[in-house]
PDBML (XML) file of the C-alpha atoms, coordinates in Angstrom:
<?xml version="1.0" encoding="UTF-8" ?>
<PDBx:datablock datablockName="MODEL"
   xmlns:PDBx="http://pdbml.pdb.org/schema/pdbx-v50.xsd"
   xmlns:xsi="http://www.w3.org/2001/XMLSchema-instance"
   xsi:schemaLocation="http://pdbml.pdb.org/schema/pdbx-v50.xsd pdbx-v50.xsd">
   <PDBx:atom_siteCategory>
      <PDBx:atom_site id="1">
         <PDBx:B_iso_or_equiv>0.00</PDBx:B_iso_or_equiv>
         <PDBx:Cartn_x>-62.440</PDBx:Cartn_x>
         <PDBx:Cartn_y>-94.561</PDBx:Cartn_y>
         <PDBx:Cartn_z>14.190</PDBx:Cartn_z>
         <PDBx:auth_asym_id>A</PDBx:auth_asym_id>
         <PDBx:auth_atom_id>CA</PDBx:auth_atom_id>
         <PDBx:auth_comp_id>GLY</PDBx:auth_comp_id>
         <PDBx:auth_seq_id>1</PDBx:auth_seq_id>
         <PDBx:group_PDB>ATOM</PDBx:group_PDB>
         <PDBx:label_alt_id xsi:nil="true" />
         <PDBx:label_asym_id>A</PDBx:label_asym_id>
         <PDBx:label_atom_id>CA</PDBx:label_atom_id>
         <PDBx:label_comp_id>GLY</PDBx:label_comp_id>
         <PDBx:label_entity_id>1</PDBx:label_entity_id>
         <PDBx:label_seq_id>1</PDBx:label_seq_id>
         <PDBx:occupancy>1.00</PDBx:occupancy>
         <PDBx:pdbx_PDB_model_num>1</PDBx:pdbx_PDB_model_num>
         <PDBx:type_symbol>C</PDBx:type_symbol>
      </PDBx:atom_site>
      <PDBx:atom_site id="2">
         <PDBx:B_iso_or_equiv>0.00</PDBx:B_iso_or_equiv>
         <PDBx:Cartn_x>-65.462</PDBx:Cartn_x>
         <PDBx:Cartn_y>-96.767</PDBx:Cartn_y>
         <PDBx:Cartn_z>14.604</PDBx:Cartn_z>
         <PDBx:auth_asym_id>A</PDBx:auth_asym_id>
         <PDBx:auth_atom_id>CA</PDBx:auth_atom_id>
         <PDBx:auth_comp_id>GLY</PDBx:auth_comp_id>
         <PDBx:auth_seq_id>2</PDBx:auth_seq_id>
         <PDBx:group_PDB>ATOM</PDBx:group_PDB>
         <PDBx:label_alt_id xsi:nil="true" />
         <PDBx:label_asym_id>A</PDBx:label_asym_id>
         <PDBx:label_atom_id>CA</PDBx:label_atom_id>
         <PDBx:label_comp_id>GLY</PDBx:label_comp_id>
         <PDBx:label_entity_id>1</PDBx:label_entity_id>
         <PDBx:label_seq_id>2</PDBx:label_seq_id>
         <PDBx:occupancy>1.00</PDBx:occupancy>
         <PDBx:pdbx_PDB_model_num>1</PDBx:pdbx_PDB_model_num>
         <PDBx:type_symbol>C</PDBx:type_symbol>
      </PDBx:atom_site>
      <PDBx:atom_site id="3">
         <PDBx:B_iso_or_equiv>0.00</PDBx:B_iso_or_equiv>
         <PDBx:Cartn_x>-68.302</PDBx:Cartn_x>
         <PDBx:Cartn_y>-95.546</PDBx:Cartn_y>
         <PDBx:Cartn_z>16.804</PDBx:Cartn_z>
         <PDBx:auth_asym_id>A</PDBx:auth_asym_id>
         <PDBx:auth_atom_id>CA</PDBx:auth_atom_id>
         <PDBx:auth_comp_id>SER</PDBx:auth_comp_id>
         <PDBx:auth_seq_id>3</PDBx:auth_seq_id>
         <PDBx:group_PDB>ATOM</PDBx:group_PDB>
         <PDBx:label_alt_id xsi:nil="true" />
         <PDBx:label_asym_id>A</PDBx:label_asym_id>
         <PDBx:label_atom_id>CA</PDBx:label_atom_id>
         <PDBx:label_comp_id>SER</PDBx:label_comp_id>
         <PDBx:label_entity_id>1</PDBx:label_entity_id>
         <PDBx:label_seq_id>3</PDBx:label_seq_id>
         <PDBx:occupancy>1.00</PDBx:occupancy>
         <PDBx:pdbx_PDB_model_num>1</PDBx:pdbx_PDB_model_num>
         <PDBx:type_symbol>C</PDBx:type_symbol>
      </PDBx:atom_site>
      <PDBx:atom_site id="4">
         <PDBx:B_iso_or_equiv>0.00</PDBx:B_iso_or_equiv>
         <PDBx:Cartn_x>-66.303</PDBx:Cartn_x>
         <PDBx:Cartn_y>-93.292</PDBx:Cartn_y>
         <PDBx:Cartn_z>19.112</PDBx:Cartn_z>
         <PDBx:auth_asym_id>A</PDBx:auth_asym_id>
         <PDBx:auth_atom_id>CA</PDBx:auth_atom_id>
         <PDBx:auth_comp_id>GLY</PDBx:auth_comp_id>
         <PDBx:auth_seq_id>4</PDBx:auth_seq_id>
         <PDBx:group_PDB>ATOM</PDBx:group_PDB>
         <PDBx:label_alt_id xsi:nil="true" />
         <PDBx:label_asym_id>A</PDBx:label_asym_id>
         <PDBx:label_atom_id>CA</PDBx:label_atom_id>
         <PDBx:label_comp_id>GLY</PDBx:label_comp_id>
         <PDBx:label_entity_id>1</PDBx:label_entity_id>
         <PDBx:label_seq_id>4</PDBx:label_seq_id>
         <PDBx:occupancy>1.00</PDBx:occupancy>
         <PDBx:pdbx_PDB_model_num>1</PDBx:pdbx_PDB_model_num>
         <PDBx:type_symbol>C</PDBx:type_symbol>
      </PDBx:atom_site>
      <PDBx:atom_site id="5">
         <PDBx:B_iso_or_equiv>0.00</PDBx:B_iso_or_equiv>
         <PDBx:Cartn_x>-63.373</PDBx:Cartn_x>
         <PDBx:Cartn_y>-90.964</PDBx:Cartn_y>
         <PDBx:Cartn_z>19.650</PDBx:Cartn_z>
         <PDBx:auth_asym_id>A</PDBx:auth_asym_id>
         <PDBx:auth_atom_id>CA</PDBx:auth_atom_id>
         <PDBx:auth_comp_id>ARG</PDBx:auth_comp_id>
         <PDBx:auth_seq_id>5</PDBx:auth_seq_id>
         <PDBx:group_PDB>ATOM</PDBx:group_PDB>
         <PDBx:label_alt_id xsi:nil="true" />
         <PDBx:label_asym_id>A</PDBx:label_asym_id>
         <PDBx:label_atom_id>CA</PDBx:label_atom_id>
         <PDBx:label_comp_id>ARG</PDBx:label_comp_id>
         <PDBx:label_entity_id>1</PDBx:label_entity_id>
         <PDBx:label_seq_id>5</PDBx:label_seq_id>
         <PDBx:occupancy>1.00</PDBx:occupancy>
         <PDBx:pdbx_PDB_model_num>1</PDBx:pdbx_PDB_model_num>
         <PDBx:type_symbol>C</PDBx:type_symbol>
      </PDBx:atom_site>
      <PDBx:atom_site id="6">
         <PDBx:B_iso_or_equiv>0.00</PDBx:B_iso_or_equiv>
         <PDBx:Cartn_x>-60.559</PDBx:Cartn_x>
         <PDBx:Cartn_y>-91.372</PDBx:Cartn_y>
         <PDBx:Cartn_z>22.145</PDBx:Cartn_z>
         <PDBx:auth_asym_id>A</PDBx:auth_asym_id>
         <PDBx:auth_atom_id>CA</PDBx:auth_atom_id>
         <PDBx:auth_comp_id>LEU</PDBx:auth_comp_id>
         <PDBx:auth_seq_id>6</PDBx:auth_seq_id>
         <PDBx:group_PDB>ATOM</PDBx:group_PDB>
         <PDBx:label_alt_id xsi:nil="true" />
         <PDBx:label_asym_id>A</PDBx:label_asym_id>
         <PDBx:label_atom_id>CA</PDBx:label_atom_id>
         <PDBx:label_comp_id>LEU</PDBx:label_comp_id>
         <PDBx:label_entity_id>1</PDBx:label_entity_id>
         <PDBx:label_seq_id>6</PDBx:label_seq_id>
         <PDBx:occupancy>1.00</PDBx:occupancy>
         <PDBx:pdbx_PDB_model_num>1</PDBx:pdbx_PDB_model_num>
         <PDBx:type_symbol>C</PDBx:type_symbol>
      </PDBx:atom_site>
      <PDBx:atom_site id="7">
         <PDBx:B_iso_or_equiv>0.00</PDBx:B_iso_or_equiv>
         <PDBx:Cartn_x>-58.884</PDBx:Cartn_x>
         <PDBx:Cartn_y>-88.353</PDBx:Cartn_y>
         <PDBx:Cartn_z>23.705</PDBx:Cartn_z>
         <PDBx:auth_asym_id>A</PDBx:auth_asym_id>
         <PDBx:auth_atom_id>CA</PDBx:auth_atom_id>
         <PDBx:auth_comp_id>THR</PDBx:auth_comp_id>
         <PDBx:auth_seq_id>7</PDBx:auth_seq_id>
         <PDBx:group_PDB>ATOM</PDBx:group_PDB>
         <PDBx:label_alt_id xsi:nil="true" />
         <PDBx:label_asym_id>A</PDBx:label_asym_id>
         <PDBx:label_atom_id>CA</PDBx:label_atom_id>
         <PDBx:label_comp_id>THR</PDBx:label_comp_id>
         <PDBx:label_entity_id>1</PDBx:label_entity_id>
         <PDBx:label_seq_id>7</PDBx:label_seq_id>
         <PDBx:occupancy>1.00</PDBx:occupancy>
         <PDBx:pdbx_PDB_model_num>1</PDBx:pdbx_PDB_model_num>
         <PDBx:type_symbol>C</PDBx:type_symbol>
      </PDBx:atom_site>
      <PDBx:atom_site id="8">
         <PDBx:B_iso_or_equiv>0.00</PDBx:B_iso_or_equiv>
         <PDBx:Cartn_x>-55.426</PDBx:Cartn_x>
         <PDBx:Cartn_y>-89.029</PDBx:Cartn_y>
         <PDBx:Cartn_z>25.122</PDBx:Cartn_z>
         <PDBx:auth_asym_id>A</PDBx:auth_asym_id>
         <PDBx:auth_atom_id>CA</PDBx:auth_atom_id>
         <PDBx:auth_comp_id>LEU</PDBx:auth_comp_id>
         <PDBx:auth_seq_id>8</PDBx:auth_seq_id>
         <PDBx:group_PDB>ATOM</PDBx:group_PDB>
         <PDBx:label_alt_id xsi:nil="true" />
         <PDBx:label_asym_id>A</PDBx:label_asym_id>
         <PDBx:label_atom_id>CA</PDBx:label_atom_id>
         <PDBx:label_comp_id>LEU</PDBx:label_comp_id>
         <PDBx:label_entity_id>1</PDBx:label_entity_id>
         <PDBx:label_seq_id>8</PDBx:label_seq_id>
         <PDBx:occupancy>1.00</PDBx:occupancy>
         <PDBx:pdbx_PDB_model_num>1</PDBx:pdbx_PDB_model_num>
         <PDBx:type_symbol>C</PDBx:type_symbol>
      </PDBx:atom_site>
      <PDBx:atom_site id="9">
         <PDBx:B_iso_or_equiv>0.00</PDBx:B_iso_or_equiv>
         <PDBx:Cartn_x>-54.161</PDBx:Cartn_x>
         <PDBx:Cartn_y>-86.352</PDBx:Cartn_y>
         <PDBx:Cartn_z>27.521</PDBx:Cartn_z>
         <PDBx:auth_asym_id>A</PDBx:auth_asym_id>
         <PDBx:auth_atom_id>CA</PDBx:auth_atom_id>
         <PDBx:auth_comp_id>SER</PDBx:auth_comp_id>
         <PDBx:auth_seq_id>9</PDBx:auth_seq_id>
         <PDBx:group_PDB>ATOM</PDBx:group_PDB>
         <PDBx:label_alt_id xsi:nil="true" />
         <PDBx:label_asym_id>A</PDBx:label_asym_id>
         <PDBx:label_atom_id>CA</PDBx:label_atom_id>
         <PDBx:label_comp_id>SER</PDBx:label_comp_id>
         <PDBx:label_entity_id>1</PDBx:label_entity_id>
         <PDBx:label_seq_id>9</PDBx:label_seq_id>
         <PDBx:occupancy>1.00</PDBx:occupancy>
         <PDBx:pdbx_PDB_model_num>1</PDBx:pdbx_PDB_model_num>
         <PDBx:type_symbol>C</PDBx:type_symbol>
      </PDBx:atom_site>
      <PDBx:atom_site id="10">
         <PDBx:B_iso_or_equiv>0.00</PDBx:B_iso_or_equiv>
         <PDBx:Cartn_x>-50.398</PDBx:Cartn_x>
         <PDBx:Cartn_y>-86.087</PDBx:Cartn_y>
         <PDBx:Cartn_z>27.837</PDBx:Cartn_z>
         <PDBx:auth_asym_id>A</PDBx:auth_asym_id>
         <PDBx:auth_atom_id>CA</PDBx:auth_atom_id>
         <PDBx:auth_comp_id>MET</PDBx:auth_comp_id>
         <PDBx:auth_seq_id>10</PDBx:auth_seq_id>
         <PDBx:group_PDB>ATOM</PDBx:group_PDB>
         <PDBx:label_alt_id xsi:nil="true" />
         <PDBx:label_asym_id>A</PDBx:label_asym_id>
         <PDBx:label_atom_id>CA</PDBx:label_atom_id>
         <PDBx:label_comp_id>MET</PDBx:label_comp_id>
         <PDBx:label_entity_id>1</PDBx:label_entity_id>
         <PDBx:label_seq_id>10</PDBx:label_seq_id>
         <PDBx:occupancy>1.00</PDBx:occupancy>
         <PDBx:pdbx_PDB_model_num>1</PDBx:pdbx_PDB_model_num>
         <PDBx:type_symbol>C</PDBx:type_symbol>
      </PDBx:atom_site>
      <PDBx:atom_site id="11">
         <PDBx:B_iso_or_equiv>0.00</PDBx:B_iso_or_equiv>
         <PDBx:Cartn_x>-47.781</PDBx:Cartn_x>
         <PDBx:Cartn_y>-83.659</PDBx:Cartn_y>
         <PDBx:Cartn_z>29.241</PDBx:Cartn_z>
         <PDBx:auth_asym_id>A</PDBx:auth_asym_id>
         <PDBx:auth_atom_id>CA</PDBx:auth_atom_id>
         <PDBx:auth_comp_id>PRO</PDBx:auth_comp_id>
         <PDBx:auth_seq_id>11</PDBx:auth_seq_id>
         <PDBx:group_PDB>ATOM</PDBx:group_PDB>
         <PDBx:label_alt_id xsi:nil="true" />
         <PDBx:label_asym_id>A</PDBx:label_asym_id>
         <PDBx:label_atom_id>CA</PDBx:label_atom_id>
         <PDBx:label_comp_id>PRO</PDBx:label_comp_id>
         <PDBx:label_entity_id>1</PDBx:label_entity_id>
         <PDBx:label_seq_id>11</PDBx:label_seq_id>
         <PDBx:occupancy>1.00</PDBx:occupancy>
         <PDBx:pdbx_PDB_model_num>1</PDBx:pdbx_PDB_model_num>
         <PDBx:type_symbol>C</PDBx:type_symbol>
      </PDBx:atom_site>
      <PDBx:atom_site id="12">
         <PDBx:B_iso_or_equiv>0.00</PDBx:B_iso_or_equiv>
         <PDBx:Cartn_x>-47.110</PDBx:Cartn_x>
         <PDBx:Cartn_y>-82.447</PDBx:Cartn_y>
         <PDBx:Cartn_z>25.715</PDBx:Cartn_z>
         <PDBx:auth_asym_id>A</PDBx:auth_asym_id>
         <PDBx:auth_atom_id>CA</PDBx:auth_atom_id>
         <PDBx:auth_comp_id>GLU</PDBx:auth_comp_id>
         <PDBx:auth_seq_id>12</PDBx:auth_seq_id>
         <PDBx:group_PDB>ATOM</PDBx:group_PDB>
         <PDBx:label_alt_id xsi:nil="true" />
         <PDBx:label_asym_id>A</PDBx:label_asym_id>
         <PDBx:label_atom_id>CA</PDBx:label_atom_id>
         <PDBx:label_comp_id>GLU</PDBx:label_comp_id>
         <PDBx:label_entity_id>1</PDBx:label_entity_id>
         <PDBx:label_seq_id>12</PDBx:label_seq_id>
         <PDBx:occupancy>1.00</PDBx:occupancy>
         <PDBx:pdbx_PDB_model_num>1</PDBx:pdbx_PDB_model_num>
         <PDBx:type_symbol>C</PDBx:type_symbol>
      </PDBx:atom_site>
      <PDBx:atom_site id="13">
         <PDBx:B_iso_or_equiv>0.00</PDBx:B_iso_or_equiv>
         <PDBx:Cartn_x>-48.371</PDBx:Cartn_x>
         <PDBx:Cartn_y>-82.998</PDBx:Cartn_y>
         <PDBx:Cartn_z>22.185</PDBx:Cartn_z>
         <PDBx:auth_asym_id>A</PDBx:auth_asym_id>
         <PDBx:auth_atom_id>CA</PDBx:auth_atom_id>
         <PDBx:auth_comp_id>THR</PDBx:auth_comp_id>
         <PDBx:auth_seq_id>13</PDBx:auth_seq_id>
         <PDBx:group_PDB>ATOM</PDBx:group_PDB>
         <PDBx:label_alt_id xsi:nil="true" />
         <PDBx:label_asym_id>A</PDBx:label_asym_id>
         <PDBx:label_atom_id>CA</PDBx:label_atom_id>
         <PDBx:label_comp_id>THR</PDBx:label_comp_id>
         <PDBx:label_entity_id>1</PDBx:label_entity_id>
         <PDBx:label_seq_id>13</PDBx:label_seq_id>
         <PDBx:occupancy>1.00</PDBx:occupancy>
         <PDBx:pdbx_PDB_model_num>1</PDBx:pdbx_PDB_model_num>
         <PDBx:type_symbol>C</PDBx:type_symbol>
      </PDBx:atom_site>
      <PDBx:atom_site id="14">
         <PDBx:B_iso_or_equiv>0.00</PDBx:B_iso_or_equiv>
         <PDBx:Cartn_x>-46.813</PDBx:Cartn_x>
         <PDBx:Cartn_y>-85.927</PDBx:Cartn_y>
         <PDBx:Cartn_z>20.321</PDBx:Cartn_z>
         <PDBx:auth_asym_id>A</PDBx:auth_asym_id>
         <PDBx:auth_atom_id>CA</PDBx:auth_atom_id>
         <PDBx:auth_comp_id>VAL</PDBx:auth_comp_id>
         <PDBx:auth_seq_id>14</PDBx:auth_seq_id>
         <PDBx:group_PDB>ATOM</PDBx:group_PDB>
         <PDBx:label_alt_id xsi:nil="true" />
         <PDBx:label_asym_id>A</PDBx:label_asym_id>
         <PDBx:label_atom_id>CA</PDBx:label_atom_id>
         <PDBx:label_comp_id>VAL</PDBx:label_comp_id>
         <PDBx:label_entity_id>1</PDBx:label_entity_id>
         <PDBx:label_seq_id>14</PDBx:label_seq_id>
         <PDBx:occupancy>1.00</PDBx:occupancy>
         <PDBx:pdbx_PDB_model_num>1</PDBx:pdbx_PDB_model_num>
         <PDBx:type_symbol>C</PDBx:type_symbol>
      </PDBx:atom_site>
      <PDBx:atom_site id="15">
         <PDBx:B_iso_or_equiv>0.00</PDBx:B_iso_or_equiv>
         <PDBx:Cartn_x>-47.374</PDBx:Cartn_x>
         <PDBx:Cartn_y>-86.785</PDBx:Cartn_y>
         <PDBx:Cartn_z>16.639</PDBx:Cartn_z>
         <PDBx:auth_asym_id>A</PDBx:auth_asym_id>
         <PDBx:auth_atom_id>CA</PDBx:auth_atom_id>
         <PDBx:auth_comp_id>VAL</PDBx:auth_comp_id>
         <PDBx:auth_seq_id>15</PDBx:auth_seq_id>
         <PDBx:group_PDB>ATOM</PDBx:group_PDB>
         <PDBx:label_alt_id xsi:nil="true" />
         <PDBx:label_asym_id>A</PDBx:label_asym_id>
         <PDBx:label_atom_id>CA</PDBx:label_atom_id>
         <PDBx:label_comp_id>VAL</PDBx:label_comp_id>
         <PDBx:label_entity_id>1</PDBx:label_entity_id>
         <PDBx:label_seq_id>15</PDBx:label_seq_id>
         <PDBx:occupancy>1.00</PDBx:occupancy>
         <PDBx:pdbx_PDB_model_num>1</PDBx:pdbx_PDB_model_num>
         <PDBx:type_symbol>C</PDBx:type_symbol>
      </PDBx:atom_site>
      <PDBx:atom_site id="16">
         <PDBx:B_iso_or_equiv>0.00</PDBx:B_iso_or_equiv>
         <PDBx:Cartn_x>-48.648</PDBx:Cartn_x>
         <PDBx:Cartn_y>-90.280</PDBx:Cartn_y>
         <PDBx:Cartn_z>15.884</PDBx:Cartn_z>
         <PDBx:auth_asym_id>A</PDBx:auth_asym_id>
         <PDBx:auth_atom_id>CA</PDBx:auth_atom_id>
         <PDBx:auth_comp_id>ALA</PDBx:auth_comp_id>
         <PDBx:auth_seq_id>16</PDBx:auth_seq_id>
         <PDBx:group_PDB>ATOM</PDBx:group_PDB>
         <PDBx:label_alt_id xsi:nil="true" />
         <PDBx:label_asym_id>A</PDBx:label_asym_id>
         <PDBx:label_atom_id>CA</PDBx:label_atom_id>
         <PDBx:label_comp_id>ALA</PDBx:label_comp_id>
         <PDBx:label_entity_id>1</PDBx:label_entity_id>
         <PDBx:label_seq_id>16</PDBx:label_seq_id>
         <PDBx:occupancy>1.00</PDBx:occupancy>
         <PDBx:pdbx_PDB_model_num>1</PDBx:pdbx_PDB_model_num>
         <PDBx:type_symbol>C</PDBx:type_symbol>
      </PDBx:atom_site>
      <PDBx:atom_site id="17">
         <PDBx:B_iso_or_equiv>0.00</PDBx:B_iso_or_equiv>
         <PDBx:Cartn_x>-46.904</PDBx:Cartn_x>
         <PDBx:Cartn_y>-92.538</PDBx:Cartn_y>
         <PDBx:Cartn_z>13.358</PDBx:Cartn_z>
         <PDBx:auth_asym_id>A</PDBx:auth_asym_id>
         <PDBx:auth_atom_id>CA</PDBx:auth_atom_id>
         <PDBx:auth_comp_id>ALA</PDBx:auth_comp_id>
         <PDBx:auth_seq_id>17</PDBx:auth_seq_id>
         <PDBx:group_PDB>ATOM</PDBx:group_PDB>
         <PDBx:label_alt_id xsi:nil="true" />
         <PDBx:label_asym_id>A</PDBx:label_asym_id>
         <PDBx:label_atom_id>CA</PDBx:label_atom_id>
         <PDBx:label_comp_id>ALA</PDBx:label_comp_id>
         <PDBx:label_entity_id>1</PDBx:label_entity_id>
         <PDBx:label_seq_id>17</PDBx:label_seq_id>
         <PDBx:occupancy>1.00</PDBx:occupancy>
         <PDBx:pdbx_PDB_model_num>1</PDBx:pdbx_PDB_model_num>
         <PDBx:type_symbol>C</PDBx:type_symbol>
      </PDBx:atom_site>
      <PDBx:atom_site id="18">
         <PDBx:B_iso_or_equiv>0.00</PDBx:B_iso_or_equiv>
         <PDBx:Cartn_x>-47.808</PDBx:Cartn_x>
         <PDBx:Cartn_y>-95.978</PDBx:Cartn_y>
         <PDBx:Cartn_z>12.010</PDBx:Cartn_z>
         <PDBx:auth_asym_id>A</PDBx:auth_asym_id>
         <PDBx:auth_atom_id>CA</PDBx:auth_atom_id>
         <PDBx:auth_comp_id>ASP</PDBx:auth_comp_id>
         <PDBx:auth_seq_id>18</PDBx:auth_seq_id>
         <PDBx:group_PDB>ATOM</PDBx:group_PDB>
         <PDBx:label_alt_id xsi:nil="true" />
         <PDBx:label_asym_id>A</PDBx:label_asym_id>
         <PDBx:label_atom_id>CA</PDBx:label_atom_id>
         <PDBx:label_comp_id>ASP</PDBx:label_comp_id>
         <PDBx:label_entity_id>1</PDBx:label_entity_id>
         <PDBx:label_seq_id>18</PDBx:label_seq_id>
         <PDBx:occupancy>1.00</PDBx:occupancy>
         <PDBx:pdbx_PDB_model_num>1</PDBx:pdbx_PDB_model_num>
         <PDBx:type_symbol>C</PDBx:type_symbol>
      </PDBx:atom_site>
      <PDBx:atom_site id="19">
         <PDBx:B_iso_or_equiv>0.00</PDBx:B_iso_or_equiv>
         <PDBx:Cartn_x>-51.046</PDBx:Cartn_x>
         <PDBx:Cartn_y>-96.143</PDBx:Cartn_y>
         <PDBx:Cartn_z>13.951</PDBx:Cartn_z>
         <PDBx:auth_asym_id>A</PDBx:auth_asym_id>
         <PDBx:auth_atom_id>CA</PDBx:auth_atom_id>
         <PDBx:auth_comp_id>GLY</PDBx:auth_comp_id>
         <PDBx:auth_seq_id>19</PDBx:auth_seq_id>
         <PDBx:group_PDB>ATOM</PDBx:group_PDB>
         <PDBx:label_alt_id xsi:nil="true" />
         <PDBx:label_asym_id>A</PDBx:label_asym_id>
         <PDBx:label_atom_id>CA</PDBx:label_atom_id>
         <PDBx:label_comp_id>GLY</PDBx:label_comp_id>
         <PDBx:label_entity_id>1</PDBx:label_entity_id>
         <PDBx:label_seq_id>19</PDBx:label_seq_id>
         <PDBx:occupancy>1.00</PDBx:occupancy>
         <PDBx:pdbx_PDB_model_num>1</PDBx:pdbx_PDB_model_num>
         <PDBx:type_symbol>C</PDBx:type_symbol>
      </PDBx:atom_site>
      <PDBx:atom_site id="20">
         <PDBx:B_iso_or_equiv>0.00</PDBx:B_iso_or_equiv>
         <PDBx:Cartn_x>-49.573</PDBx:Cartn_x>
         <PDBx:Cartn_y>-95.445</PDBx:Cartn_y>
         <PDBx:Cartn_z>17.377</PDBx:Cartn_z>
         <PDBx:auth_asym_id>A</PDBx:auth_asym_id>
         <PDBx:auth_atom_id>CA</PDBx:auth_atom_id>
         <PDBx:auth_comp_id>GLU</PDBx:auth_comp_id>
         <PDBx:auth_seq_id>20</PDBx:auth_seq_id>
         <PDBx:group_PDB>ATOM</PDBx:group_PDB>
         <PDBx:label_alt_id xsi:nil="true" />
         <PDBx:label_asym_id>A</PDBx:label_asym_id>
         <PDBx:label_atom_id>CA</PDBx:label_atom_id>
         <PDBx:label_comp_id>GLU</PDBx:label_comp_id>
         <PDBx:label_entity_id>1</PDBx:label_entity_id>
         <PDBx:label_seq_id>20</PDBx:label_seq_id>
         <PDBx:occupancy>1.00</PDBx:occupancy>
         <PDBx:pdbx_PDB_model_num>1</PDBx:pdbx_PDB_model_num>
         <PDBx:type_symbol>C</PDBx:type_symbol>
      </PDBx:atom_site>
      <PDBx:atom_site id="21">
         <PDBx:B_iso_or_equiv>0.00</PDBx:B_iso_or_equiv>
         <PDBx:Cartn_x>-48.073</PDBx:Cartn_x>
         <PDBx:Cartn_y>-92.795</PDBx:Cartn_y>
         <PDBx:Cartn_z>19.628</PDBx:Cartn_z>
         <PDBx:auth_asym_id>A</PDBx:auth_asym_id>
         <PDBx:auth_atom_id>CA</PDBx:auth_atom_id>
         <PDBx:auth_comp_id>ILE</PDBx:auth_comp_id>
         <PDBx:auth_seq_id>21</PDBx:auth_seq_id>
         <PDBx:group_PDB>ATOM</PDBx:group_PDB>
         <PDBx:label_alt_id xsi:nil="true" />
         <PDBx:label_asym_id>A</PDBx:label_asym_id>
         <PDBx:label_atom_id>CA</PDBx:label_atom_id>
         <PDBx:label_comp_id>ILE</PDBx:label_comp_id>
         <PDBx:label_entity_id>1</PDBx:label_entity_id>
         <PDBx:label_seq_id>21</PDBx:label_seq_id>
         <PDBx:occupancy>1.00</PDBx:occupancy>
         <PDBx:pdbx_PDB_model_num>1</PDBx:pdbx_PDB_model_num>
         <PDBx:type_symbol>C</PDBx:type_symbol>
      </PDBx:atom_site>
      <PDBx:atom_site id="22">
         <PDBx:B_iso_or_equiv>0.00</PDBx:B_iso_or_equiv>
         <PDBx:Cartn_x>-44.726</PDBx:Cartn_x>
         <PDBx:Cartn_y>-93.563</PDBx:Cartn_y>
         <PDBx:Cartn_z>21.197</PDBx:Cartn_z>
         <PDBx:auth_asym_id>A</PDBx:auth_asym_id>
         <PDBx:auth_atom_id>CA</PDBx:auth_atom_id>
         <PDBx:auth_comp_id>SER</PDBx:auth_comp_id>
         <PDBx:auth_seq_id>22</PDBx:auth_seq_id>
         <PDBx:group_PDB>ATOM</PDBx:group_PDB>
         <PDBx:label_alt_id xsi:nil="true" />
         <PDBx:label_asym_id>A</PDBx:label_asym_id>
         <PDBx:label_atom_id>CA</PDBx:label_atom_id>
         <PDBx:label_comp_id>SER</PDBx:label_comp_id>
         <PDBx:label_entity_id>1</PDBx:label_entity_id>
         <PDBx:label_seq_id>22</PDBx:label_seq_id>
         <PDBx:occupancy>1.00</PDBx:occupancy>
         <PDBx:pdbx_PDB_model_num>1</PDBx:pdbx_PDB_model_num>
         <PDBx:type_symbol>C</PDBx:type_symbol>
      </PDBx:atom_site>
      <PDBx:atom_site id="23">
         <PDBx:B_iso_or_equiv>0.00</PDBx:B_iso_or_equiv>
         <PDBx:Cartn_x>-42.664</PDBx:Cartn_x>
         <PDBx:Cartn_y>-91.219</PDBx:Cartn_y>
         <PDBx:Cartn_z>23.374</PDBx:Cartn_z>
         <PDBx:auth_asym_id>A</PDBx:auth_asym_id>
         <PDBx:auth_atom_id>CA</PDBx:auth_atom_id>
         <PDBx:auth_comp_id>VAL</PDBx:auth_comp_id>
         <PDBx:auth_seq_id>23</PDBx:auth_seq_id>
         <PDBx:group_PDB>ATOM</PDBx:group_PDB>
         <PDBx:label_alt_id xsi:nil="true" />
         <PDBx:label_asym_id>A</PDBx:label_asym_id>
         <PDBx:label_atom_id>CA</PDBx:label_atom_id>
         <PDBx:label_comp_id>VAL</PDBx:label_comp_id>
         <PDBx:label_entity_id>1</PDBx:label_entity_id>
         <PDBx:label_seq_id>23</PDBx:label_seq_id>
         <PDBx:occupancy>1.00</PDBx:occupancy>
         <PDBx:pdbx_PDB_model_num>1</PDBx:pdbx_PDB_model_num>
         <PDBx:type_symbol>C</PDBx:type_symbol>
      </PDBx:atom_site>
      <PDBx:atom_site id="24">
         <PDBx:B_iso_or_equiv>0.00</PDBx:B_iso_or_equiv>
         <PDBx:Cartn_x>-39.677</PDBx:Cartn_x>
         <PDBx:Cartn_y>-91.494</PDBx:Cartn_y>
         <PDBx:Cartn_z>25.708</PDBx:Cartn_z>
         <PDBx:auth_asym_id>A</PDBx:auth_asym_id>
         <PDBx:auth_atom_id>CA</PDBx:auth_atom_id>
         <PDBx:auth_comp_id>ARG</PDBx:auth_comp_id>
         <PDBx:auth_seq_id>24</PDBx:auth_seq_id>
         <PDBx:group_PDB>ATOM</PDBx:group_PDB>
         <PDBx:label_alt_id xsi:nil="true" />
         <PDBx:label_asym_id>A</PDBx:label_asym_id>
         <PDBx:label_atom_id>CA</PDBx:label_atom_id>
         <PDBx:label_comp_id>ARG</PDBx:label_comp_id>
         <PDBx:label_entity_id>1</PDBx:label_entity_id>
         <PDBx:label_seq_id>24</PDBx:label_seq_id>
         <PDBx:occupancy>1.00</PDBx:occupancy>
         <PDBx:pdbx_PDB_model_num>1</PDBx:pdbx_PDB_model_num>
         <PDBx:type_symbol>C</PDBx:type_symbol>
      </PDBx:atom_site>
      <PDBx:atom_site id="25">
         <PDBx:B_iso_or_equiv>0.00</PDBx:B_iso_or_equiv>
         <PDBx:Cartn_x>-38.936</PDBx:Cartn_x>
         <PDBx:Cartn_y>-89.188</PDBx:Cartn_y>
         <PDBx:Cartn_z>28.610</PDBx:Cartn_z>
         <PDBx:auth_asym_id>A</PDBx:auth_asym_id>
         <PDBx:auth_atom_id>CA</PDBx:auth_atom_id>
         <PDBx:auth_comp_id>PHE</PDBx:auth_comp_id>
         <PDBx:auth_seq_id>25</PDBx:auth_seq_id>
         <PDBx:group_PDB>ATOM</PDBx:group_PDB>
         <PDBx:label_alt_id xsi:nil="true" />
         <PDBx:label_asym_id>A</PDBx:label_asym_id>
         <PDBx:label_atom_id>CA</PDBx:label_atom_id>
         <PDBx:label_comp_id>PHE</PDBx:label_comp_id>
         <PDBx:label_entity_id>1</PDBx:label_entity_id>
         <PDBx:label_seq_id>25</PDBx:label_seq_id>
         <PDBx:occupancy>1.00</PDBx:occupancy>
         <PDBx:pdbx_PDB_model_num>1</PDBx:pdbx_PDB_model_num>
         <PDBx:type_symbol>C</PDBx:type_symbol>
      </PDBx:atom_site>
   </PDBx:atom_siteCategory>
</PDBx:datablock>
């Protein structure tokens, strides 16, 4: 979105919802 792309690296893949990624561990 906008002029760039943001790559978030995590321990595992998580699906985004409502414009955000939220995970508990």
